[in-house]
């Protein structure tokens, strides 16, 4: 018997889809620059259709792929609407190790995107 399709959280809310795309972009940049020598594999997440989210082909090293999976699950299940920036949230849902990793990814990738002319990411960085 075929397995029922998992409802995509991004299909319900375009803000979630945008946030997931942003997370993927940030982690992709971080992995490409900080883990340049690492072996990368194409990422396939069990509960998320990357093509439907318009993310495209995503190749990450295993630690970055694990961080991406954790970040996607946490964002998709965020109980707040509208979702506050994680740094302003009263409920820290990320495990401490992942929280520190995602902070580093956001710092590094956010600066790179702003310096490369992606001013739309400046808003994401500051708020």
PDB file of N, CA and C in Angstrom:
ATOM      1  N   UNK A   1       0.854  -1.175   0.000  1.00  0.00           N
ATOM      2  CA  UNK A   1       0.000   0.000   0.000  1.00  0.00           C
ATOM      3  C   UNK A   1       0.896   1.233   0.000  1.00  0.00           C
ATOM      4  N   UNK A   2       0.616   2.236  -0.864  1.00  0.00           N
ATOM      5  CA  UNK A   2       1.459   3.428  -0.907  1.00  0.00           C
ATOM      6  C   UNK A   2       1.337   4.244   0.366  1.00  0.00           C
ATOM      7  N   UNK A   3       2.429   4.835   0.701  1.00  0.00           N
ATOM      8  CA  UNK A   3       2.500   5.672   1.892  1.00  0.00           C
ATOM      9  C   UNK A   3       1.802   7.003   1.612  1.00  0.00           C
ATOM     10  N   UNK A   4       0.946   7.498   2.531  1.00  0.00           N
ATOM     11  CA  UNK A   4       0.286   8.774   2.281  1.00  0.00           C
ATOM     12  C   UNK A   4       1.320   9.895   2.220  1.00  0.00           C
ATOM     13  N   UNK A   5       1.055  10.845   1.351  1.00  0.00           N
ATOM     14  CA  UNK A   5       1.984  11.974   1.197  1.00  0.00           C
ATOM     15  C   UNK A   5       1.981  12.812   2.460  1.00  0.00           C
ATOM     16  N   UNK A   6       3.171  13.204   2.888  1.00  0.00           N
ATOM     17  CA  UNK A   6       3.302  14.073   4.044  1.00  0.00           C
ATOM     18  C   UNK A   6       2.974  15.488   3.591  1.00  0.00           C
ATOM     19  N   UNK A   7       2.080  16.140   4.312  1.00  0.00           N
ATOM     20  CA  UNK A   7       1.730  17.502   3.929  1.00  0.00           C
ATOM     21  C   UNK A   7       2.923  18.407   4.181  1.00  0.00           C
ATOM     22  N   UNK A   8       3.296  19.144   3.166  1.00  0.00           N
ATOM     23  CA  UNK A   8       4.426  20.045   3.252  1.00  0.00           C
ATOM     24  C   UNK A   8       4.015  21.296   4.027  1.00  0.00           C
ATOM     25  N   UNK A   9       4.734  21.650   5.105  1.00  0.00           N
ATOM     26  CA  UNK A   9       4.389  22.867   5.831  1.00  0.00           C
ATOM     27  C   UNK A   9       4.518  24.094   4.935  1.00  0.00           C
ATOM     28  N   UNK A  10       5.439  24.049   3.995  1.00  0.00           N
ATOM     29  CA  UNK A  10       5.635  25.183   3.096  1.00  0.00           C
ATOM     30  C   UNK A  10       4.442  25.352   2.165  1.00  0.00           C
ATOM     31  N   UNK A  11       3.722  24.261   1.885  1.00  0.00           N
ATOM     32  CA  UNK A  11       2.566  24.354   1.006  1.00  0.00           C
ATOM     33  C   UNK A  11       1.453  25.160   1.667  1.00  0.00           C
ATOM     34  N   UNK A  12       1.426  25.180   2.967  1.00  0.00           N
ATOM     35  CA  UNK A  12       0.403  25.920   3.695  1.00  0.00           C
ATOM     36  C   UNK A  12       0.750  27.386   3.858  1.00  0.00           C
ATOM     37  N   UNK A  13       1.998  27.720   3.973  1.00  0.00           N
ATOM     38  CA  UNK A  13       2.388  29.088   4.313  1.00  0.00           C
ATOM     39  C   UNK A  13       3.599  29.522   3.487  1.00  0.00           C
ATOM     40  N   UNK A  14       3.440  30.532   2.647  1.00  0.00           N
ATOM     41  CA  UNK A  14       4.571  30.985   1.833  1.00  0.00           C
ATOM     42  C   UNK A  14       5.724  31.555   2.669  1.00  0.00           C
ATOM     43  N   UNK A  15       5.429  32.031   3.875  1.00  0.00           N
ATOM     44  CA  UNK A  15       6.505  32.543   4.744  1.00  0.00           C
ATOM     45  C   UNK A  15       7.421  31.411   5.194  1.00  0.00           C
ATOM     46  N   UNK A  16       6.841  30.258   5.456  1.00  0.00           N
ATOM     47  CA  UNK A  16       7.646  29.099   5.840  1.00  0.00           C
ATOM     48  C   UNK A  16       8.539  28.694   4.669  1.00  0.00           C
ATOM     49  N   UNK A  17       7.960  28.657   3.469  1.00  0.00           N
ATOM     50  CA  UNK A  17       8.743  28.300   2.274  1.00  0.00           C
ATOM     51  C   UNK A  17       9.895  29.274   2.080  1.00  0.00           C
ATOM     52  N   UNK A  18       9.630  30.555   2.245  1.00  0.00           N
ATOM     53  CA  UNK A  18      10.684  31.569   2.106  1.00  0.00           C
ATOM     54  C   UNK A  18      11.782  31.361   3.153  1.00  0.00           C
ATOM     55  N   UNK A  19      11.383  31.090   4.380  1.00  0.00           N
ATOM     56  CA  UNK A  19      12.369  30.865   5.438  1.00  0.00           C
ATOM     57  C   UNK A  19      13.206  29.617   5.177  1.00  0.00           C
ATOM     58  N   UNK A  20      12.574  28.557   4.658  1.00  0.00           N
ATOM     59  CA  UNK A  20      13.315  27.336   4.351  1.00  0.00           C
ATOM     60  C   UNK A  20      14.307  27.571   3.214  1.00  0.00           C
ATOM     61  N   UNK A  21      13.888  28.339   2.197  1.00  0.00           N
ATOM     62  CA  UNK A  21      14.814  28.683   1.108  1.00  0.00           C
ATOM     63  C   UNK A  21      15.986  29.499   1.633  1.00  0.00           C
ATOM     64  N   UNK A  22      15.706  30.423   2.538  1.00  0.00           N
ATOM     65  CA  UNK A  22      16.767  31.253   3.119  1.00  0.00           C
ATOM     66  C   UNK A  22      17.735  30.393   3.925  1.00  0.00           C
ATOM     67  N   UNK A  23      17.208  29.482   4.722  1.00  0.00           N
ATOM     68  CA  UNK A  23      18.070  28.575   5.483  1.00  0.00           C
ATOM     69  C   UNK A  23      18.960  27.763   4.552  1.00  0.00           C
ATOM     70  N   UNK A  24      18.379  27.234   3.487  1.00  0.00           N
ATOM     71  CA  UNK A  24      19.152  26.435   2.538  1.00  0.00           C
ATOM     72  C   UNK A  24      20.244  27.281   1.886  1.00  0.00           C
ATOM     73  N   UNK A  25      19.922  28.510   1.526  1.00  0.00           N
ATOM     74  CA  UNK A  25      20.909  29.404   0.907  1.00  0.00           C
ATOM     75  C   UNK A  25      22.054  29.690   1.864  1.00  0.00           C
ATOM     76  N   UNK A  26      21.729  30.012   3.100  1.00  0.00           N
ATOM     77  CA  UNK A  26      22.757  30.334   4.093  1.00  0.00           C
ATOM     78  C   UNK A  26      23.670  29.139   4.343  1.00  0.00           C
ATOM     79  N   UNK A  27      23.079  27.965   4.518  1.00  0.00           N
ATOM     80  CA  UNK A  27      23.879  26.774   4.808  1.00  0.00           C
ATOM     81  C   UNK A  27      24.699  26.370   3.585  1.00  0.00           C
ATOM     82  N   UNK A  28      24.148  26.537   2.384  1.00  0.00           N
ATOM     83  CA  UNK A  28      24.890  26.227   1.155  1.00  0.00           C
ATOM     84  C   UNK A  28      26.140  27.101   1.049  1.00  0.00           C
ATOM     85  N   UNK A  29      25.997  28.397   1.289  1.00  0.00           N
ATOM     86  CA  UNK A  29      27.142  29.317   1.215  1.00  0.00           C
ATOM     87  C   UNK A  29      28.178  28.965   2.274  1.00  0.00           C
ATOM     88  N   UNK A  30      27.719  28.734   3.484  1.00  0.00           N
ATOM     89  CA  UNK A  30      28.634  28.404   4.579  1.00  0.00           C
ATOM     90  C   UNK A  30      29.412  27.131   4.254  1.00  0.00           C
ATOM     91  N   UNK A  31      28.717  26.097   3.801  1.00  0.00           N
ATOM     92  CA  UNK A  31      29.356  24.813   3.520  1.00  0.00           C
ATOM     93  C   UNK A  31      30.365  24.952   2.383  1.00  0.00           C
ATOM     94  N   UNK A  32      29.983  25.654   1.328  1.00  0.00           N
ATOM     95  CA  UNK A  32      30.869  25.806   0.170  1.00  0.00           C
ATOM     96  C   UNK A  32      32.161  26.530   0.541  1.00  0.00           C
ATOM     97  N   UNK A  33      32.088  27.520   1.434  1.00  0.00           N
ATOM     98  CA  UNK A  33      33.264  28.313   1.774  1.00  0.00           C
ATOM     99  C   UNK A  33      34.041  27.758   2.960  1.00  0.00           C
ATOM    100  N   UNK A  34      33.339  27.296   3.983  1.00  0.00           N
ATOM    101  CA  UNK A  34      34.015  26.827   5.198  1.00  0.00           C
ATOM    102  C   UNK A  34      34.435  25.371   5.142  1.00  0.00           C
ATOM    103  N   UNK A  35      33.759  24.584   4.332  1.00  0.00           N
ATOM    104  CA  UNK A  35      34.069  23.156   4.215  1.00  0.00           C
ATOM    105  C   UNK A  35      34.422  22.837   2.761  1.00  0.00           C
ATOM    106  N   UNK A  36      35.278  23.664   2.177  1.00  0.00           N
ATOM    107  CA  UNK A  36      35.610  23.551   0.750  1.00  0.00           C
ATOM    108  C   UNK A  36      36.217  22.195   0.391  1.00  0.00           C
ATOM    109  N   UNK A  37      36.953  21.592   1.302  1.00  0.00           N
ATOM    110  CA  UNK A  37      37.616  20.320   1.020  1.00  0.00           C
ATOM    111  C   UNK A  37      36.772  19.095   1.373  1.00  0.00           C
ATOM    112  N   UNK A  38      35.639  19.313   1.971  1.00  0.00           N
ATOM    113  CA  UNK A  38      34.804  18.191   2.407  1.00  0.00           C
ATOM    114  C   UNK A  38      34.097  17.538   1.223  1.00  0.00           C
ATOM    115  N   UNK A  39      33.792  16.279   1.377  1.00  0.00           N
ATOM    116  CA  UNK A  39      33.028  15.551   0.362  1.00  0.00           C
ATOM    117  C   UNK A  39      31.557  15.920   0.542  1.00  0.00           C
ATOM    118  N   UNK A  40      30.930  16.354  -0.547  1.00  0.00           N
ATOM    119  CA  UNK A  40      29.528  16.758  -0.501  1.00  0.00           C
ATOM    120  C   UNK A  40      28.676  15.740  -1.247  1.00  0.00           C
ATOM    121  N   UNK A  41      27.470  15.584  -0.753  1.00  0.00           N
ATOM    122  CA  UNK A  41      26.488  14.720  -1.408  1.00  0.00           C
ATOM    123  C   UNK A  41      25.191  15.498  -1.553  1.00  0.00           C
ATOM    124  N   UNK A  42      24.423  15.093  -2.557  1.00  0.00           N
ATOM    125  CA  UNK A  42      23.133  15.751  -2.756  1.00  0.00           C
ATOM    126  C   UNK A  42      22.226  15.460  -1.565  1.00  0.00           C
ATOM    127  N   UNK A  43      21.568  16.494  -1.085  1.00  0.00           N
ATOM    128  CA  UNK A  43      20.705  16.382   0.084  1.00  0.00           C
ATOM    129  C   UNK A  43      19.294  16.010  -0.360  1.00  0.00           C
ATOM    130  N   UNK A  44      18.727  15.033   0.308  1.00  0.00           N
ATOM    131  CA  UNK A  44      17.331  14.653   0.115  1.00  0.00           C
ATOM    132  C   UNK A  44      16.729  14.515   1.515  1.00  0.00           C
ATOM    133  N   UNK A  45      15.782  15.364   1.821  1.00  0.00           N
ATOM    134  CA  UNK A  45      15.150  15.334   3.132  1.00  0.00           C
ATOM    135  C   UNK A  45      13.831  14.578   3.052  1.00  0.00           C
ATOM    136  N   UNK A  46      13.632  13.669   3.972  1.00  0.00           N
ATOM    137  CA  UNK A  46      12.490  12.760   3.950  1.00  0.00           C
ATOM    138  C   UNK A  46      11.146  13.505   3.934  1.00  0.00           C
ATOM    139  N   UNK A  47      11.014  14.532   4.719  1.00  0.00           N
ATOM    140  CA  UNK A  47       9.717  15.197   4.869  1.00  0.00           C
ATOM    141  C   UNK A  47       9.580  16.499   4.091  1.00  0.00           C
ATOM    142  N   UNK A  48      10.556  16.826   3.253  1.00  0.00           N
ATOM    143  CA  UNK A  48      10.524  18.096   2.524  1.00  0.00           C
ATOM    144  C   UNK A  48      10.861  17.870   1.058  1.00  0.00           C
ATOM    145  N   UNK A  49      10.057  18.437   0.196  1.00  0.00           N
ATOM    146  CA  UNK A  49      10.297  18.367  -1.244  1.00  0.00           C
ATOM    147  C   UNK A  49      11.052  19.626  -1.649  1.00  0.00           C
ATOM    148  N   UNK A  50      12.363  19.496  -1.837  1.00  0.00           N
ATOM    149  CA  UNK A  50      13.198  20.654  -2.140  1.00  0.00           C
ATOM    150  C   UNK A  50      12.813  21.291  -3.469  1.00  0.00           C
ATOM    151  N   UNK A  51      12.375  20.496  -4.431  1.00  0.00           N
ATOM    152  CA  UNK A  51      11.956  21.051  -5.727  1.00  0.00           C
ATOM    153  C   UNK A  51      10.703  21.913  -5.557  1.00  0.00           C
ATOM    154  N   UNK A  52       9.752  21.454  -4.758  1.00  0.00           N
ATOM    155  CA  UNK A  52       8.531  22.229  -4.521  1.00  0.00           C
ATOM    156  C   UNK A  52       8.835  23.530  -3.789  1.00  0.00           C
ATOM    157  N   UNK A  53       9.886  23.522  -2.989  1.00  0.00           N
ATOM    158  CA  UNK A  53      10.296  24.733  -2.274  1.00  0.00           C
ATOM    159  C   UNK A  53      11.151  25.656  -3.148  1.00  0.00           C
ATOM    160  N   UNK A  54      11.414  25.225  -4.384  1.00  0.00           N
ATOM    161  CA  UNK A  54      12.236  25.969  -5.343  1.00  0.00           C
ATOM    162  C   UNK A  54      13.660  26.168  -4.807  1.00  0.00           C
ATOM    163  N   UNK A  55      14.215  25.122  -4.207  1.00  0.00           N
ATOM    164  CA  UNK A  55      15.572  25.171  -3.693  1.00  0.00           C
ATOM    165  C   UNK A  55      16.553  24.643  -4.725  1.00  0.00           C
ATOM    166  N   UNK A  56      16.136  23.694  -5.521  1.00  0.00           N
ATOM    167  CA  UNK A  56      17.028  23.143  -6.534  1.00  0.00           C
ATOM    168  C   UNK A  56      17.993  22.138  -5.934  1.00  0.00           C
ATOM    169  N   UNK A  57      19.004  21.806  -6.713  1.00  0.00           N
ATOM    170  CA  UNK A  57      19.991  20.810  -6.279  1.00  0.00           C
ATOM    171  C   UNK A  57      20.823  21.398  -5.138  1.00  0.00           C
ATOM    172  N   UNK A  58      20.949  20.639  -4.087  1.00  0.00           N
ATOM    173  CA  UNK A  58      21.652  21.102  -2.895  1.00  0.00           C
ATOM    174  C   UNK A  58      22.651  20.041  -2.481  1.00  0.00           C
ATOM    175  N   UNK A  59      23.927  20.373  -2.556  1.00  0.00           N
ATOM    176  CA  UNK A  59      24.992  19.451  -2.156  1.00  0.00           C
ATOM    177  C   UNK A  59      25.707  20.015  -0.943  1.00  0.00           C
ATOM    178  N   UNK A  60      25.722  19.216   0.125  1.00  0.00           N
ATOM    179  CA  UNK A  60      26.332  19.635   1.385  1.00  0.00           C
ATOM    180  C   UNK A  60      27.168  18.504   1.961  1.00  0.00           C
ATOM    181  N   UNK A  61      28.117  18.886   2.819  1.00  0.00           N
ATOM    182  CA  UNK A  61      28.864  17.881   3.567  1.00  0.00           C
ATOM    183  C   UNK A  61      27.932  17.304   4.633  1.00  0.00           C
ATOM    184  N   UNK A  62      28.237  16.143   5.197  1.00  0.00           N
ATOM    185  CA  UNK A  62      27.333  15.519   6.180  1.00  0.00           C
ATOM    186  C   UNK A  62      26.978  16.403   7.386  1.00  0.00           C
ATOM    187  N   UNK A  63      27.945  17.123   8.021  1.00  0.00           N
ATOM    188  CA  UNK A  63      27.531  17.964   9.155  1.00  0.00           C
ATOM    189  C   UNK A  63      26.567  19.083   8.752  1.00  0.00           C
ATOM    190  N   UNK A  64      26.786  19.687   7.590  1.00  0.00           N
ATOM    191  CA  UNK A  64      25.892  20.753   7.136  1.00  0.00           C
ATOM    192  C   UNK A  64      24.529  20.191   6.738  1.00  0.00           C
ATOM    193  N   UNK A  65      24.504  19.002   6.163  1.00  0.00           N
ATOM    194  CA  UNK A  65      23.230  18.362   5.813  1.00  0.00           C
ATOM    195  C   UNK A  65      22.427  18.062   7.079  1.00  0.00           C
ATOM    196  N   UNK A  66      23.117  17.633   8.113  1.00  0.00           N
ATOM    197  CA  UNK A  66      22.446  17.345   9.392  1.00  0.00           C
ATOM    198  C   UNK A  66      21.892  18.635  10.014  1.00  0.00           C
ATOM    199  N   UNK A  67      22.670  19.718   9.937  1.00  0.00           N
ATOM    200  CA  UNK A  67      22.207  21.013  10.442  1.00  0.00           C
ATOM    201  C   UNK A  67      21.000  21.491   9.644  1.00  0.00           C
ATOM    202  N   UNK A  68      21.035  21.328   8.321  1.00  0.00           N
ATOM    203  CA  UNK A  68      19.912  21.740   7.476  1.00  0.00           C
ATOM    204  C   UNK A  68      18.650  20.969   7.851  1.00  0.00           C
ATOM    205  N   UNK A  69      18.765  19.668   8.030  1.00  0.00           N
ATOM    206  CA  UNK A  69      17.595  18.855   8.399  1.00  0.00           C
ATOM    207  C   UNK A  69      17.020  19.312   9.735  1.00  0.00           C
ATOM    208  N   UNK A  70      17.891  19.572  10.705  1.00  0.00           N
ATOM    209  CA  UNK A  70      17.440  20.030  12.020  1.00  0.00           C
ATOM    210  C   UNK A  70      16.755  21.391  11.899  1.00  0.00           C
ATOM    211  N   UNK A  71      17.364  22.298  11.144  1.00  0.00           N
ATOM    212  CA  UNK A  71      16.809  23.644  10.980  1.00  0.00           C
ATOM    213  C   UNK A  71      15.460  23.606  10.268  1.00  0.00           C
ATOM    214  N   UNK A  72      15.318  22.759   9.240  1.00  0.00           N
ATOM    215  CA  UNK A  72      14.051  22.654   8.520  1.00  0.00           C
ATOM    216  C   UNK A  72      12.942  22.164   9.449  1.00  0.00           C
ATOM    217  N   UNK A  73      13.234  21.141  10.230  1.00  0.00           N
ATOM    218  CA  UNK A  73      12.217  20.597  11.137  1.00  0.00           C
ATOM    219  C   UNK A  73      11.813  21.644  12.169  1.00  0.00           C
ATOM    220  N   UNK A  74      12.789  22.330  12.738  1.00  0.00           N
ATOM    221  CA  UNK A  74      12.481  23.333  13.763  1.00  0.00           C
ATOM    222  C   UNK A  74      11.676  24.487  13.180  1.00  0.00           C
ATOM    223  N   UNK A  75      12.028  24.941  11.968  1.00  0.00           N
ATOM    224  CA  UNK A  75      11.275  26.047  11.353  1.00  0.00           C
ATOM    225  C   UNK A  75       9.872  25.599  10.983  1.00  0.00           C
ATOM    226  N   UNK A  76       9.739  24.415  10.448  1.00  0.00           N
ATOM    227  CA  UNK A  76       8.424  23.934  10.027  1.00  0.00           C
ATOM    228  C   UNK A  76       7.474  23.754  11.211  1.00  0.00           C
ATOM    229  N   UNK A  77       8.019  23.485  12.385  1.00  0.00           N
ATOM    230  CA  UNK A  77       7.177  23.246  13.557  1.00  0.00           C
ATOM    231  C   UNK A  77       7.162  24.413  14.543  1.00  0.00           C
ATOM    232  N   UNK A  78       7.626  25.572  14.115  1.00  0.00           N
ATOM    233  CA  UNK A  78       7.631  26.744  14.992  1.00  0.00           C
ATOM    234  C   UNK A  78       6.190  27.104  15.365  1.00  0.00           C
ATOM    235  N   UNK A  79       5.892  27.224  16.667  1.00  0.00           N
ATOM    236  CA  UNK A  79       4.515  27.494  17.077  1.00  0.00           C
ATOM    237  C   UNK A  79       4.107  28.960  16.951  1.00  0.00           C
ATOM    238  N   UNK A  80       5.038  29.841  16.653  1.00  0.00           N
ATOM    239  CA  UNK A  80       4.735  31.263  16.631  1.00  0.00           C
ATOM    240  C   UNK A  80       4.359  31.738  15.229  1.00  0.00           C
ATOM    241  N   UNK A  81       3.343  32.591  15.183  1.00  0.00           N
ATOM    242  CA  UNK A  81       2.935  33.192  13.918  1.00  0.00           C
ATOM    243  C   UNK A  81       2.546  34.634  14.206  1.00  0.00           C
ATOM    244  N   UNK A  82       3.272  35.575  13.688  1.00  0.00           N
ATOM    245  CA  UNK A  82       4.449  35.439  12.838  1.00  0.00           C
ATOM    246  C   UNK A  82       5.656  34.989  13.652  1.00  0.00           C
ATOM    247  N   UNK A  83       6.544  34.289  12.967  1.00  0.00           N
ATOM    248  CA  UNK A  83       7.729  33.742  13.616  1.00  0.00           C
ATOM    249  C   UNK A  83       8.715  34.870  13.916  1.00  0.00           C
ATOM    250  N   UNK A  84       9.146  34.973  15.185  1.00  0.00           N
ATOM    251  CA  UNK A  84      10.177  35.964  15.490  1.00  0.00           C
ATOM    252  C   UNK A  84      11.551  35.458  15.048  1.00  0.00           C
ATOM    253  N   UNK A  85      12.493  36.358  14.925  1.00  0.00           N
ATOM    254  CA  UNK A  85      13.873  35.929  14.673  1.00  0.00           C
ATOM    255  C   UNK A  85      14.299  35.067  15.852  1.00  0.00           C
ATOM    256  N   UNK A  86      15.035  34.017  15.570  1.00  0.00           N
ATOM    257  CA  UNK A  86      15.433  33.088  16.638  1.00  0.00           C
ATOM    258  C   UNK A  86      16.146  33.809  17.786  1.00  0.00           C
ATOM    259  N   UNK A  87      16.946  34.826  17.441  1.00  0.00           N
ATOM    260  CA  UNK A  87      17.686  35.526  18.497  1.00  0.00           C
ATOM    261  C   UNK A  87      16.764  36.326  19.411  1.00  0.00           C
ATOM    262  N   UNK A  88      15.516  36.598  18.976  1.00  0.00           N
ATOM    263  CA  UNK A  88      14.556  37.339  19.791  1.00  0.00           C
ATOM    264  C   UNK A  88      13.484  36.435  20.396  1.00  0.00           C
ATOM    265  N   UNK A  89      13.560  35.160  20.124  1.00  0.00           N
ATOM    266  CA  UNK A  89      12.528  34.225  20.562  1.00  0.00           C
ATOM    267  C   UNK A  89      12.723  33.860  22.037  1.00  0.00           C
ATOM    268  N   UNK A  90      11.616  33.707  22.750  1.00  0.00           N
ATOM    269  CA  UNK A  90      11.685  33.319  24.157  1.00  0.00           C
ATOM    270  C   UNK A  90      11.855  31.816  24.322  1.00  0.00           C
ATOM    271  N   UNK A  91      11.458  31.043  23.323  1.00  0.00           N
ATOM    272  CA  UNK A  91      11.569  29.596  23.357  1.00  0.00           C
ATOM    273  C   UNK A  91      12.697  29.163  22.430  1.00  0.00           C
ATOM    274  N   UNK A  92      13.769  28.661  22.977  1.00  0.00           N
ATOM    275  CA  UNK A  92      14.874  28.203  22.144  1.00  0.00           C
ATOM    276  C   UNK A  92      14.655  26.729  21.812  1.00  0.00           C
ATOM    277  N   UNK A  93      14.205  26.474  20.581  1.00  0.00           N
ATOM    278  CA  UNK A  93      13.872  25.109  20.201  1.00  0.00           C
ATOM    279  C   UNK A  93      15.074  24.330  19.669  1.00  0.00           C
ATOM    280  N   UNK A  94      16.113  25.046  19.199  1.00  0.00           N
ATOM    281  CA  UNK A  94      17.313  24.363  18.718  1.00  0.00           C
ATOM    282  C   UNK A  94      18.064  23.771  19.905  1.00  0.00           C
ATOM    283  N   UNK A  95      18.615  22.576  19.705  1.00  0.00           N
ATOM    284  CA  UNK A  95      19.502  22.013  20.724  1.00  0.00           C
ATOM    285  C   UNK A  95      20.727  22.910  20.814  1.00  0.00           C
ATOM    286  N   UNK A  96      21.371  23.007  21.983  1.00  0.00           N
ATOM    287  CA  UNK A  96      22.494  23.947  22.153  1.00  0.00           C
ATOM    288  C   UNK A  96      23.586  23.833  21.086  1.00  0.00           C
ATOM    289  N   UNK A  97      23.956  22.617  20.702  1.00  0.00           N
ATOM    290  CA  UNK A  97      24.994  22.454  19.683  1.00  0.00           C
ATOM    291  C   UNK A  97      24.547  23.038  18.345  1.00  0.00           C
ATOM    292  N   UNK A  98      23.325  22.715  17.940  1.00  0.00           N
ATOM    293  CA  UNK A  98      22.797  23.237  16.684  1.00  0.00           C
ATOM    294  C   UNK A  98      22.592  24.754  16.750  1.00  0.00           C
ATOM    295  N   UNK A  99      22.198  25.246  17.922  1.00  0.00           N
ATOM    296  CA  UNK A  99      21.985  26.687  18.074  1.00  0.00           C
ATOM    297  C   UNK A  99      23.277  27.453  17.793  1.00  0.00           C
ATOM    298  N   UNK A 100      24.368  26.981  18.330  1.00  0.00           N
ATOM    299  CA  UNK A 100      25.649  27.642  18.088  1.00  0.00           C
ATOM    300  C   UNK A 100      26.068  27.514  16.624  1.00  0.00           C
ATOM    301  N   UNK A 101      25.834  26.358  16.033  1.00  0.00           N
ATOM    302  CA  UNK A 101      26.181  26.163  14.620  1.00  0.00           C
ATOM    303  C   UNK A 101      25.370  27.078  13.712  1.00  0.00           C
ATOM    304  N   UNK A 102      24.072  27.191  13.950  1.00  0.00           N
ATOM    305  CA  UNK A 102      23.240  28.017  13.078  1.00  0.00           C
ATOM    306  C   UNK A 102      23.581  29.490  13.259  1.00  0.00           C
ATOM    307  N   UNK A 103      23.964  29.884  14.460  1.00  0.00           N
ATOM    308  CA  UNK A 103      24.416  31.270  14.668  1.00  0.00           C
ATOM    309  C   UNK A 103      25.650  31.564  13.832  1.00  0.00           C
ATOM    310  N   UNK A 104      26.596  30.649  13.831  1.00  0.00           N
ATOM    311  CA  UNK A 104      27.811  30.820  13.028  1.00  0.00           C
ATOM    312  C   UNK A 104      27.484  30.877  11.542  1.00  0.00           C
ATOM    313  N   UNK A 105      26.590  30.005  11.087  1.00  0.00           N
ATOM    314  CA  UNK A 105      26.175  29.998   9.681  1.00  0.00           C
ATOM    315  C   UNK A 105      25.529  31.336   9.324  1.00  0.00           C
ATOM    316  N   UNK A 106      24.632  31.827  10.161  1.00  0.00           N
ATOM    317  CA  UNK A 106      23.941  33.088   9.886  1.00  0.00           C
ATOM    318  C   UNK A 106      24.918  34.262   9.863  1.00  0.00           C
ATOM    319  N   UNK A 107      25.826  34.288  10.815  1.00  0.00           N
ATOM    320  CA  UNK A 107      26.824  35.373  10.832  1.00  0.00           C
ATOM    321  C   UNK A 107      27.651  35.369   9.562  1.00  0.00           C
ATOM    322  N   UNK A 108      28.195  34.221   9.224  1.00  0.00           N
ATOM    323  CA  UNK A 108      29.098  34.120   8.080  1.00  0.00           C
ATOM    324  C   UNK A 108      28.361  34.373   6.758  1.00  0.00           C
ATOM    325  N   UNK A 109      27.293  33.642   6.527  1.00  0.00           N
ATOM    326  CA  UNK A 109      26.591  33.729   5.241  1.00  0.00           C
ATOM    327  C   UNK A 109      25.860  35.054   5.077  1.00  0.00           C
ATOM    328  N   UNK A 110      25.304  35.559   6.154  1.00  0.00           N
ATOM    329  CA  UNK A 110      24.608  36.848   6.076  1.00  0.00           C
ATOM    330  C   UNK A 110      25.543  37.957   5.642  1.00  0.00           C
ATOM    331  N   UNK A 111      26.704  37.996   6.223  1.00  0.00           N
ATOM    332  CA  UNK A 111      27.683  39.024   5.840  1.00  0.00           C
ATOM    333  C   UNK A 111      28.110  38.855   4.392  1.00  0.00           C
ATOM    334  N   UNK A 112      28.341  37.620   3.978  1.00  0.00           N
ATOM    335  CA  UNK A 112      28.766  37.381   2.589  1.00  0.00           C
ATOM    336  C   UNK A 112      27.684  37.812   1.606  1.00  0.00           C
ATOM    337  N   UNK A 113      26.439  37.527   1.920  1.00  0.00           N
ATOM    338  CA  UNK A 113      25.351  37.914   1.020  1.00  0.00           C
ATOM    339  C   UNK A 113      25.188  39.431   0.945  1.00  0.00           C
ATOM    340  N   UNK A 114      25.282  40.100   2.078  1.00  0.00           N
ATOM    341  CA  UNK A 114      25.163  41.554   2.083  1.00  0.00           C
ATOM    342  C   UNK A 114      26.319  42.181   1.313  1.00  0.00           C
ATOM    343  N   UNK A 115      27.529  41.702   1.544  1.00  0.00           N
ATOM    344  CA  UNK A 115      28.691  42.258   0.855  1.00  0.00           C
ATOM    345  C   UNK A 115      28.666  41.971  -0.642  1.00  0.00           C
ATOM    346  N   UNK A 116      27.967  40.923  -1.047  1.00  0.00           N
ATOM    347  CA  UNK A 116      27.890  40.606  -2.471  1.00  0.00           C
ATOM    348  C   UNK A 116      26.718  41.310  -3.147  1.00  0.00           C
ATOM    349  N   UNK A 117      26.008  42.140  -2.410  1.00  0.00           N
ATOM    350  CA  UNK A 117      24.947  42.938  -3.018  1.00  0.00           C
ATOM    351  C   UNK A 117      23.542  42.450  -2.761  1.00  0.00           C
ATOM    352  N   UNK A 118      23.355  41.418  -1.980  1.00  0.00           N
ATOM    353  CA  UNK A 118      22.012  40.919  -1.667  1.00  0.00           C
ATOM    354  C   UNK A 118      21.449  41.713  -0.496  1.00  0.00           C
ATOM    355  N   UNK A 119      20.949  42.904  -0.768  1.00  0.00           N
ATOM    356  CA  UNK A 119      20.448  43.779   0.283  1.00  0.00           C
ATOM    357  C   UNK A 119      19.188  43.230   0.947  1.00  0.00           C
ATOM    358  N   UNK A 120      18.456  42.376   0.235  1.00  0.00           N
ATOM    359  CA  UNK A 120      17.281  41.773   0.853  1.00  0.00           C
ATOM    360  C   UNK A 120      17.678  40.924   2.061  1.00  0.00           C
ATOM    361  N   UNK A 121      18.921  40.429   2.056  1.00  0.00           N
ATOM    362  CA  UNK A 121      19.385  39.629   3.181  1.00  0.00           C
ATOM    363  C   UNK A 121      19.785  40.502   4.374  1.00  0.00           C
ATOM    364  N   UNK A 122      20.035  41.782   4.127  1.00  0.00           N
ATOM    365  CA  UNK A 122      20.344  42.698   5.221  1.00  0.00           C
ATOM    366  C   UNK A 122      19.171  42.736   6.195  1.00  0.00           C
ATOM    367  N   UNK A 123      17.969  42.767   5.658  1.00  0.00           N
ATOM    368  CA  UNK A 123      16.774  42.752   6.498  1.00  0.00           C
ATOM    369  C   UNK A 123      16.741  41.493   7.349  1.00  0.00           C
ATOM    370  N   UNK A 124      17.056  40.353   6.751  1.00  0.00           N
ATOM    371  CA  UNK A 124      17.058  39.074   7.457  1.00  0.00           C
ATOM    372  C   UNK A 124      18.116  39.072   8.565  1.00  0.00           C
ATOM    373  N   UNK A 125      19.262  39.682   8.273  1.00  0.00           N
ATOM    374  CA  UNK A 125      20.353  39.728   9.238  1.00  0.00           C
ATOM    375  C   UNK A 125      19.995  40.577  10.455  1.00  0.00           C
ATOM    376  N   UNK A 126      19.367  41.703  10.205  1.00  0.00           N
ATOM    377  CA  UNK A 126      19.090  42.654  11.287  1.00  0.00           C
ATOM    378  C   UNK A 126      17.820  42.346  12.063  1.00  0.00           C
ATOM    379  N   UNK A 127      16.868  41.731  11.429  1.00  0.00           N
ATOM    380  CA  UNK A 127      15.584  41.508  12.086  1.00  0.00           C
ATOM    381  C   UNK A 127      15.312  40.052  12.101  1.00  0.00           C
TER     382      UNK A 127
END
